[in-house]
Protein backbone atom coordinates (compact mmCIF):
# COMPACT_ATOMS: atom_id res chain seq x y z
CA MET A 1 10.16 -35.14 52.11
CA ASN A 2 9.84 -37.80 49.46
CA LYS A 3 11.86 -37.74 46.25
CA ILE A 4 8.99 -36.50 44.02
CA ASN A 5 8.13 -33.54 46.26
CA PHE A 6 11.78 -32.59 46.55
CA LEU A 7 12.20 -32.50 42.74
CA THR A 8 9.01 -30.51 42.31
CA LEU A 9 10.16 -27.95 44.84
CA THR A 10 13.55 -27.73 43.15
CA PHE A 11 11.96 -27.08 39.74
CA LEU A 12 9.63 -24.46 41.17
CA ILE A 13 12.51 -22.61 42.79
CA THR A 14 14.57 -22.57 39.59
CA GLY A 15 11.61 -21.49 37.51
CA LEU A 16 11.54 -24.58 35.30
CA ILE A 17 7.92 -25.32 36.09
CA ASN A 18 5.14 -22.75 36.06
CA PRO A 19 2.34 -24.27 38.13
CA THR A 20 -0.17 -21.56 37.10
CA PRO A 21 0.15 -20.82 33.37
CA VAL A 22 -1.40 -17.51 32.36
CA SER A 23 -4.29 -17.72 29.90
CA ALA A 24 -4.61 -15.49 26.85
CA GLU A 25 -7.67 -13.89 28.44
CA ALA A 26 -5.56 -12.60 31.30
CA ILE A 27 -3.53 -10.40 29.00
CA THR A 28 -5.11 -7.21 27.76
CA SER A 29 -3.67 -5.22 24.90
CA PRO A 30 -3.26 -1.44 25.30
CA GLN A 31 -6.54 -1.01 23.40
CA GLY A 32 -8.43 -3.40 25.67
CA ILE A 33 -8.69 -6.34 23.25
CA SER A 34 -8.44 -9.54 25.25
CA ASN A 35 -10.55 -12.17 23.51
CA ILE A 36 -8.00 -13.56 21.05
CA SER A 37 -7.25 -17.22 21.71
CA LEU A 38 -3.47 -17.04 21.40
CA GLN A 39 -0.78 -18.28 23.75
CA ALA A 40 -0.02 -15.50 26.21
CA PRO A 41 3.62 -14.45 26.53
CA ASN A 42 5.70 -15.06 29.63
CA VAL A 43 7.03 -11.93 31.28
CA PRO A 44 10.83 -11.84 30.93
CA ALA A 45 12.85 -11.54 34.10
CA GLN A 46 15.73 -9.68 32.47
CA LYS A 47 15.73 -6.04 31.46
CA ASP A 48 13.55 -5.49 28.40
CA VAL A 49 15.62 -3.47 25.91
CA VAL A 50 12.56 -2.88 23.74
CA ALA A 51 10.53 -1.42 26.61
CA GLU A 52 13.48 0.80 27.55
CA GLN A 53 13.65 2.16 24.01
CA GLU A 54 9.88 2.66 23.93
CA LYS A 55 10.16 4.69 27.12
CA THR A 56 12.84 6.95 25.63
CA TRP A 57 10.98 7.69 22.42
CA LYS A 58 7.65 8.11 24.15
CA LYS A 59 9.28 10.86 26.21
CA ASP A 60 10.69 12.49 23.03
CA TYR A 61 7.21 12.85 21.54
CA GLU A 62 5.70 14.04 24.82
CA ASN A 63 8.32 16.79 24.99
CA TYR A 64 7.75 17.78 21.36
CA ILE A 65 3.97 17.91 21.50
CA GLY A 66 3.82 19.22 25.05
CA SER A 67 1.44 16.54 26.31
CA THR A 68 1.71 13.46 28.47
CA PHE A 69 0.37 10.22 27.01
CA SER A 70 -1.23 7.71 29.34
CA ASN A 71 -0.42 4.75 27.08
CA GLU A 72 1.25 1.88 28.93
CA LEU A 73 4.74 0.96 27.79
CA MET A 74 4.80 -2.16 25.62
CA THR A 75 7.30 -4.90 26.34
CA ALA A 76 8.86 -7.05 23.63
CA LYS A 77 6.59 -9.96 24.62
CA ALA A 78 3.49 -7.78 24.50
CA ILE A 79 4.45 -6.49 21.05
CA SER A 80 4.96 -10.04 19.77
CA TYR A 81 1.57 -11.00 21.15
CA THR A 82 -0.03 -8.01 19.41
CA LEU A 83 1.62 -8.97 16.10
CA ARG A 84 0.18 -12.47 16.42
CA ARG A 85 -3.26 -11.03 17.05
CA ILE A 86 -3.00 -8.81 14.00
CA LYS A 87 -1.89 -11.73 11.85
CA ALA A 88 -4.98 -13.65 12.97
CA GLN A 89 -7.16 -10.69 11.99
CA THR A 90 -5.52 -9.63 8.72
CA GLY A 91 -3.41 -12.50 7.46
CA LYS A 92 -0.42 -10.12 7.43
CA ASN A 93 2.81 -11.18 9.11
CA SER A 94 4.39 -8.05 10.58
CA ALA A 95 7.64 -7.22 12.33
CA VAL A 96 8.78 -4.09 14.18
CA VAL A 97 12.26 -2.83 13.25
CA TYR A 98 13.90 -0.47 15.75
CA LEU A 99 16.82 1.49 14.30
CA ILE A 100 18.79 3.25 17.03
CA PRO A 101 21.71 5.46 15.92
CA THR A 102 24.51 5.93 18.42
CA GLU A 103 27.86 7.64 18.21
CA LYS A 104 29.77 4.41 17.61
CA GLN A 105 27.25 2.13 15.90
CA LEU A 106 23.73 1.51 14.67
CA LYS A 107 21.73 -0.74 16.94
CA ILE A 108 18.92 -2.82 15.42
CA LEU A 109 16.16 -4.43 17.48
CA LEU A 110 13.82 -6.77 15.62
CA VAL A 111 10.53 -7.88 17.19
CA THR A 112 8.55 -10.55 15.35
CA PRO A 113 5.38 -12.52 16.17
CA LYS A 114 7.33 -15.61 17.26
CA SER A 115 10.93 -14.91 18.24
CA ASN A 116 12.54 -13.24 21.20
CA PRO A 117 13.95 -9.80 20.26
CA ILE A 118 16.86 -10.07 17.84
CA ILE A 119 19.63 -7.55 18.49
CA LYS A 120 22.26 -6.52 15.93
CA SER A 121 25.03 -3.92 16.06
CA ILE A 122 26.48 -2.31 12.93
CA PRO A 123 29.76 -0.52 13.82
CA ALA A 124 30.27 0.75 10.25
CA ALA A 125 27.02 2.72 10.60
CA ASN A 126 28.23 5.04 13.35
CA ARG A 127 26.20 8.22 13.69
CA GLU A 128 28.49 10.36 11.53
CA ALA A 129 28.67 7.87 8.65
CA LEU A 130 24.98 7.01 8.88
CA LEU A 131 23.68 10.57 8.83
CA LYS A 132 26.00 11.46 5.96
CA ILE A 133 24.59 8.70 3.74
CA THR A 134 21.05 9.41 4.92
CA LYS A 135 21.31 13.07 3.94
CA GLN A 136 22.76 12.13 0.57
CA PHE A 137 19.90 9.67 -0.04
CA GLN A 138 17.24 12.24 0.89
CA THR A 139 18.83 14.97 -1.23
CA GLU A 140 19.14 12.83 -4.33
CA LEU A 141 15.60 11.51 -4.12
CA SER A 142 13.82 14.76 -3.32
CA ASP A 143 15.34 16.87 -6.12
CA PRO A 144 12.97 17.06 -9.13
CA ARG A 145 15.93 17.90 -11.35
CA GLU A 146 17.31 14.39 -10.78
CA VAL A 147 14.31 12.37 -12.04
CA ASN A 148 16.16 11.20 -15.16
CA ASN A 149 19.05 9.50 -13.39
CA THR A 150 19.73 6.84 -10.78
CA ASN A 151 22.37 8.61 -8.69
CA TYR A 152 20.37 7.71 -5.57
CA LEU A 153 21.10 3.98 -5.97
CA ALA A 154 24.49 4.02 -4.24
CA SER A 155 23.09 5.45 -1.01
CA ALA A 156 19.91 3.36 -1.34
CA LYS A 157 22.01 0.19 -1.44
CA GLN A 158 24.26 1.28 1.43
CA LEU A 159 21.33 1.99 3.72
CA TYR A 160 19.77 -1.34 2.75
CA GLN A 161 22.98 -3.09 3.78
CA TRP A 162 22.92 -1.35 7.15
CA PHE A 163 19.19 -1.49 7.92
CA ILE A 164 17.82 -4.66 6.30
CA ALA A 165 20.59 -7.06 5.30
CA PRO A 166 21.58 -7.88 8.93
CA ILE A 167 18.02 -9.07 9.71
CA GLU A 168 16.99 -10.39 6.30
CA LYS A 169 17.39 -14.07 7.20
CA ASP A 170 15.25 -13.55 10.30
CA LEU A 171 12.53 -11.82 8.27
CA LYS A 172 12.48 -14.65 5.73
CA ALA A 173 12.45 -17.32 8.44
CA GLU A 174 9.10 -16.01 9.70
CA ASN A 175 7.71 -15.05 6.26
CA ILE A 176 7.41 -11.40 7.28
CA ASP A 177 5.55 -9.25 4.73
CA THR A 178 5.05 -5.97 6.66
CA LEU A 179 7.78 -3.84 8.25
CA VAL A 180 6.94 -1.31 10.95
CA PHE A 181 9.89 1.07 11.39
CA CYS A 182 10.42 2.70 14.78
CA VAL A 183 13.54 4.82 14.44
CA GLY A 184 15.72 7.41 16.10
CA VAL A 185 16.98 10.92 15.42
CA GLY A 186 18.01 11.55 11.83
CA LEU A 187 16.13 8.56 10.45
CA ARG A 188 12.51 9.66 10.85
CA SER A 189 12.45 11.26 7.41
CA VAL A 190 14.09 8.40 5.52
CA PRO A 191 12.00 7.20 2.53
CA PHE A 192 12.33 3.52 3.50
CA SER A 193 10.33 2.27 0.52
CA ALA A 194 13.19 3.30 -1.81
CA LEU A 195 15.95 1.30 -0.08
CA HIS A 196 17.46 -1.06 -2.66
CA ASP A 197 19.09 -4.50 -2.41
CA GLY A 198 20.71 -4.30 -5.85
CA GLN A 199 17.78 -6.03 -7.52
CA GLN A 200 14.63 -4.62 -5.95
CA PHE A 201 13.31 -1.73 -3.92
CA LEU A 202 12.27 -2.55 -0.38
CA VAL A 203 8.65 -1.72 -1.23
CA GLU A 204 8.64 -4.52 -3.79
CA LYS A 205 9.08 -6.99 -0.93
CA TYR A 206 7.29 -5.46 2.07
CA SER A 207 4.46 -3.20 3.08
CA ILE A 208 5.99 -0.40 5.17
CA SER A 209 4.95 2.04 7.87
CA LEU A 210 6.65 4.46 10.25
CA ILE A 211 5.63 4.77 13.90
CA PRO A 212 6.76 7.03 16.77
CA ALA A 213 6.69 4.12 19.25
CA PHE A 214 4.65 0.93 19.40
CA SER A 215 3.24 2.06 22.75
CA LEU A 216 1.89 5.20 21.02
CA THR A 217 0.30 3.30 18.11
CA ASP A 218 -3.36 2.31 17.95
CA THR A 219 -3.19 -1.31 16.78
CA ARG A 220 -6.91 -2.11 16.78
CA TYR A 221 -7.84 -3.40 13.36
CA SER A 222 -10.80 -2.34 11.25
CA ASP A 223 -11.41 -3.29 7.64
CA ILE A 224 -11.80 0.04 5.84
CA ARG A 225 -12.37 -1.28 2.32
CA ASN A 226 -16.00 -0.17 2.30
CA PHE A 227 -15.60 3.11 4.17
CA SER A 228 -16.41 6.35 2.34
CA VAL A 229 -14.23 9.48 2.33
CA LEU A 230 -14.61 13.07 3.45
CA ALA A 231 -12.41 14.76 0.81
CA MET A 232 -11.53 18.43 1.27
CA GLY A 233 -8.91 20.72 -0.18
CA ALA A 234 -7.92 23.93 -1.90
CA SER A 235 -6.46 24.70 -5.30
CA GLN A 236 -5.70 28.38 -4.61
CA PHE A 237 -3.93 30.01 -1.66
CA LYS A 238 -3.02 33.55 -0.66
CA ASN A 239 0.62 32.99 0.24
CA LEU A 240 1.33 29.45 -0.95
CA GLU A 241 1.73 27.86 -4.35
CA PRO A 242 -1.50 26.80 -6.11
CA LEU A 243 -2.43 23.13 -6.43
CA PRO A 244 -4.32 23.03 -9.74
CA ALA A 245 -4.86 19.25 -9.72
CA VAL A 246 -6.80 19.29 -6.43
CA PRO A 247 -10.33 19.57 -7.94
CA ILE A 248 -9.67 16.49 -10.09
CA GLU A 249 -8.03 14.69 -7.16
CA LEU A 250 -11.06 15.20 -4.91
CA SER A 251 -13.51 14.16 -7.62
CA ALA A 252 -11.56 11.00 -8.45
CA ILE A 253 -11.30 9.98 -4.80
CA VAL A 254 -15.01 10.37 -4.11
CA GLN A 255 -15.87 8.60 -7.34
CA SER A 256 -13.65 5.70 -6.29
CA LYS A 257 -14.57 5.35 -2.60
CA GLY A 258 -17.80 7.27 -2.21
CA GLY A 259 -18.32 10.16 0.16
CA SER A 260 -18.36 13.96 -0.11
CA ARG A 261 -15.96 16.58 -1.42
CA PHE A 262 -15.51 20.26 -0.53
CA LEU A 263 -13.23 22.68 -2.36
CA ASN A 264 -11.66 26.08 -1.57
CA ASP A 265 -14.05 28.26 0.50
CA LYS A 266 -15.90 25.10 1.64
CA PHE A 267 -12.63 23.76 3.04
CA THR A 268 -12.92 25.18 6.56
CA LEU A 269 -12.59 23.89 10.10
CA ASP A 270 -16.26 24.56 10.78
CA ASN A 271 -17.31 22.57 7.73
CA LEU A 272 -15.02 19.69 8.67
CA ARG A 273 -16.58 19.51 12.11
CA SER A 274 -20.08 19.88 10.66
CA GLN A 275 -19.60 17.08 8.14
CA ARG A 276 -18.20 14.79 10.82
CA GLN A 277 -21.25 15.45 13.01
CA GLN A 278 -23.58 14.54 10.17
CA LYS A 279 -21.68 11.40 9.19
CA LEU A 280 -18.85 9.78 11.08
CA TYR A 281 -16.40 9.53 8.21
CA LYS A 282 -13.57 7.12 8.97
CA ILE A 283 -11.32 8.36 6.14
CA ILE A 284 -10.45 12.05 5.79
CA HIS A 285 -8.48 13.33 2.82
CA LEU A 286 -7.01 16.85 2.93
CA ALA A 287 -5.55 18.03 -0.37
CA THR A 288 -3.64 21.03 0.89
CA HIS A 289 -0.25 22.22 2.04
CA GLY A 290 1.05 20.59 5.20
CA VAL A 291 4.38 21.92 6.42
CA PHE A 292 6.65 20.27 9.01
CA GLN A 293 9.20 22.87 10.07
CA PRO A 294 12.06 23.13 12.59
CA GLY A 295 11.25 24.19 16.12
CA SER A 296 8.25 23.38 18.28
CA ALA A 297 5.06 21.69 17.10
CA SER A 298 3.39 25.10 16.82
CA ASN A 299 5.73 25.97 13.91
CA SER A 300 4.31 23.18 11.75
CA TYR A 301 0.83 23.37 10.31
CA ILE A 302 -1.89 22.22 7.92
CA GLN A 303 -3.35 24.97 5.73
CA PHE A 304 -7.14 25.22 5.57
CA TRP A 305 -8.91 27.74 3.32
CA ASN A 306 -9.01 30.53 5.86
CA THR A 307 -6.67 29.43 8.63
CA LYS A 308 -3.63 27.39 9.57
CA VAL A 309 -4.00 24.56 12.06
CA GLN A 310 -0.80 24.02 14.03
CA LEU A 311 0.27 20.47 14.84
CA ASN A 312 -0.27 21.04 18.54
CA GLN A 313 -3.86 22.10 17.73
CA LEU A 314 -4.78 19.00 15.71
CA ARG A 315 -6.58 17.39 18.64
CA GLN A 316 -9.09 20.25 18.45
CA LEU A 317 -10.37 18.69 15.22
CA GLN A 318 -11.69 15.82 17.38
CA LEU A 319 -10.68 13.19 14.89
CA ASN A 320 -10.43 10.76 17.80
CA THR A 321 -14.12 10.98 18.76
CA PRO A 322 -14.81 8.51 17.25
CA VAL A 323 -11.40 7.71 15.93
CA VAL A 324 -10.61 8.32 12.27
CA GLU A 325 -9.03 5.26 10.64
CA LEU A 326 -6.99 7.16 8.07
CA LEU A 327 -6.02 10.82 7.62
CA VAL A 328 -4.36 11.63 4.29
CA LEU A 329 -2.38 14.81 3.59
CA SER A 330 -1.66 14.83 -0.11
CA ALA A 331 0.66 17.83 -0.44
CA CYS A 332 2.88 18.10 2.62
CA ARG A 333 6.62 18.57 2.97
CA THR A 334 9.20 18.15 5.71
CA ALA A 335 12.45 19.87 6.61
CA LEU A 336 14.44 16.70 5.91
CA GLY A 337 16.97 15.84 8.59
CA ASP A 338 15.71 18.34 11.16
CA ARG A 339 15.01 16.68 14.50
CA GLN A 340 11.83 18.61 15.35
CA ALA A 341 10.40 18.50 11.83
CA GLU A 342 10.96 14.74 11.76
CA LEU A 343 9.14 14.34 15.07
CA GLY A 344 6.21 16.23 13.61
CA PHE A 345 6.06 14.06 10.51
CA SER A 346 6.57 10.66 12.16
CA GLY A 347 4.13 11.59 14.94
CA LEU A 348 1.38 12.86 12.62
CA ALA A 349 -1.12 10.10 13.44
CA LEU A 350 -0.39 10.50 17.15
CA GLU A 351 -0.76 14.29 17.04
CA ALA A 352 -4.06 14.10 15.14
CA GLY A 353 -5.46 11.33 17.33
CA VAL A 354 -6.05 9.02 14.35
CA LYS A 355 -5.02 5.39 13.83
CA SER A 356 -3.05 6.01 10.64
CA ALA A 357 -1.96 8.97 8.57
CA MET A 358 -0.37 9.28 5.16
CA GLY A 359 1.81 12.17 4.06
CA SER A 360 4.75 13.03 1.85
CA LEU A 361 8.27 13.82 3.00
CA TRP A 362 8.87 16.34 0.24
CA SER A 363 6.73 18.38 -2.15
CA VAL A 364 5.96 15.99 -4.98
CA SER A 365 4.79 17.56 -8.24
CA ASP A 366 1.07 18.20 -8.54
CA ALA A 367 0.89 15.68 -11.39
CA GLY A 368 2.71 12.99 -9.41
CA THR A 369 0.52 13.55 -6.35
CA LEU A 370 -2.66 13.31 -8.43
CA ALA A 371 -1.47 10.05 -9.98
CA LEU A 372 -0.54 8.44 -6.67
CA MET A 373 -3.63 9.52 -4.76
CA THR A 374 -6.04 8.47 -7.50
CA GLU A 375 -4.44 5.02 -7.68
CA PHE A 376 -4.13 4.66 -3.89
CA TYR A 377 -7.88 4.92 -3.34
CA GLN A 378 -8.45 2.33 -6.06
CA HIS A 379 -6.25 -0.11 -4.13
CA LEU A 380 -7.82 0.90 -0.82
CA ARG A 381 -11.05 -0.67 -2.06
CA ALA A 382 -9.40 -4.10 -2.26
CA SER A 383 -6.54 -4.22 0.23
CA PRO A 384 -7.17 -5.45 3.79
CA ILE A 385 -4.52 -3.10 5.19
CA LYS A 386 -3.63 0.52 4.39
CA ALA A 387 0.12 0.03 3.96
CA GLU A 388 -0.48 -2.68 1.37
CA ALA A 389 -2.70 -0.32 -0.64
CA LEU A 390 0.15 2.22 -0.65
CA ARG A 391 2.65 -0.49 -1.58
CA GLN A 392 0.61 -1.62 -4.58
CA THR A 393 0.28 2.00 -5.69
CA GLN A 394 4.01 2.61 -5.47
CA ILE A 395 4.77 -0.60 -7.37
CA GLY A 396 2.30 0.46 -10.06
CA MET A 397 4.12 3.77 -10.50
CA LEU A 398 7.50 2.06 -10.43
CA ASN A 399 6.39 -0.35 -13.17
CA GLU A 400 4.89 2.47 -15.29
CA GLN A 401 1.35 1.15 -14.95
CA ILE A 402 0.33 4.69 -14.03
CA GLN A 403 1.31 7.34 -16.55
CA ILE A 404 0.73 10.93 -17.49
CA LYS A 405 0.59 11.15 -21.27
CA GLN A 406 -0.94 13.51 -23.79
CA GLY A 407 -2.71 15.56 -21.14
CA GLN A 408 -4.27 12.56 -19.40
CA LEU A 409 -3.74 10.44 -16.29
CA ARG A 410 -3.71 6.85 -17.50
CA GLN A 411 -4.12 3.90 -15.14
CA ALA A 412 -3.74 0.21 -15.88
CA GLY A 413 -7.09 -1.51 -16.19
CA LEU A 414 -8.99 1.67 -17.07
CA ARG A 415 -9.84 2.24 -20.72
CA VAL A 416 -10.45 5.97 -20.41
CA GLY A 417 -7.87 8.36 -19.05
CA THR A 418 -8.58 11.28 -16.73
CA PRO A 419 -8.14 14.69 -18.44
CA LEU A 420 -5.71 16.96 -16.62
CA PRO A 421 -6.12 20.69 -15.98
CA PRO A 422 -4.38 22.91 -18.56
CA GLU A 423 -1.73 24.02 -16.05
CA ILE A 424 -0.50 20.41 -15.82
CA ALA A 425 -1.25 19.22 -19.35
CA LYS A 426 1.01 21.89 -20.84
CA LEU A 427 3.97 20.47 -18.90
CA GLY A 428 4.01 17.41 -21.15
CA ASP A 429 4.42 13.73 -20.29
CA PHE A 430 5.76 12.44 -16.98
CA ASN A 431 7.65 9.22 -16.31
CA LEU A 432 6.42 8.43 -12.80
CA SER A 433 8.69 5.42 -12.24
CA HIS A 434 11.43 7.44 -10.52
CA PRO A 435 11.16 7.25 -6.69
CA TYR A 436 10.99 11.03 -6.53
CA TYR A 437 7.32 10.64 -7.47
CA TRP A 438 6.35 7.80 -5.13
CA ALA A 439 8.90 7.24 -2.32
CA ALA A 440 8.01 10.42 -0.38
CA PHE A 441 4.58 9.06 0.50
CA THR A 442 4.68 7.30 3.85
CA MET A 443 2.15 5.42 5.96
CA ILE A 444 2.49 6.80 9.50
CA GLY A 445 1.13 4.98 12.53
CA SER A 446 -0.68 1.68 12.16
CA PRO A 447 -0.05 0.00 8.79
CA TRP A 448 -3.12 -2.15 9.40
């Protein structure tokens, strides 16, 4: 054997030369997209900690919903490849942040478009300490009696130090602008947008979404800026509180994005199916009570005019044939901190069979919900991704560009305000800058 052949053989054995590099076309994403001309990832030989975590959380959601999902588990390399594809399609530079609470520490896994997974351990954030601060943060933000103070800032800063500060340099190094949180028990009802670094809220720096697992997320991208909306809802209920702003909310949404609206006795399952058969709406807005409660998925529901649809029945709505790009629930609430209720909320897009869903963690006032939803659909006309439209809306509320004054909803850039129903107008003016009004609203599933 000559010297050259011997060296070549040696390199092949040690894996330093790959004689048959894999092309990008040979790798297919979970959604079957394989025509992106990007460098394909090498398959790691060592144990993939990201894939192991994906497997665990995929099983959690299967047990909760009572169904088995055929989605293939995503490795860290496959996720990075997907993030590169999405950047090529949207211009958005995204990272997936896994937050894994354990008894002795918080484990952080960061997956970016370019780097190998970055792993951090935060011993100070052991499960007991972490859940204590998390509960405090949720309680302070979700209490409408606290909208005139900033008591939440201490816990907002502490959680920022545990969740974001350890990976902040890595996020800046790759110019990340979108954070996709994939988190464990006790953290699935955290309002991440309201984390605070001492100077800014997290939402002022990043678009944000919450996913059950990357393997359970539909990452195919469609530009929805020109899609119209099927807007449905109810203002009166037999056993639930009325939502007097809903008629105005539906009208404003349809005026902004185009589409059709149906109120009260027209807000039925049969009518939803009928409207979808006539026109394949890609955005569905439901202005009604959605309740995520402890226990099995059948305990949580979305209230239609004449019936409740349990979470484990959502697939019967056939929102996945063809797939709905965005499902919005504008008046839902979650049993904060409850394991099952959190699974229901964070898995909403998965349960409904849609790409993305938007809901609120707690019951925001009718006035605050009207303000946010009206502004959100304005931004959805211009933003290339859904989470960015929500981010711009939340920043607008934070900066008091959206106000409720003298019986009107006033939005920056619009000369004429929207008159409010008497039930809301009589309550006086609202300062919507407090995160109680905007931080509950969360993009669930694909942020893109």
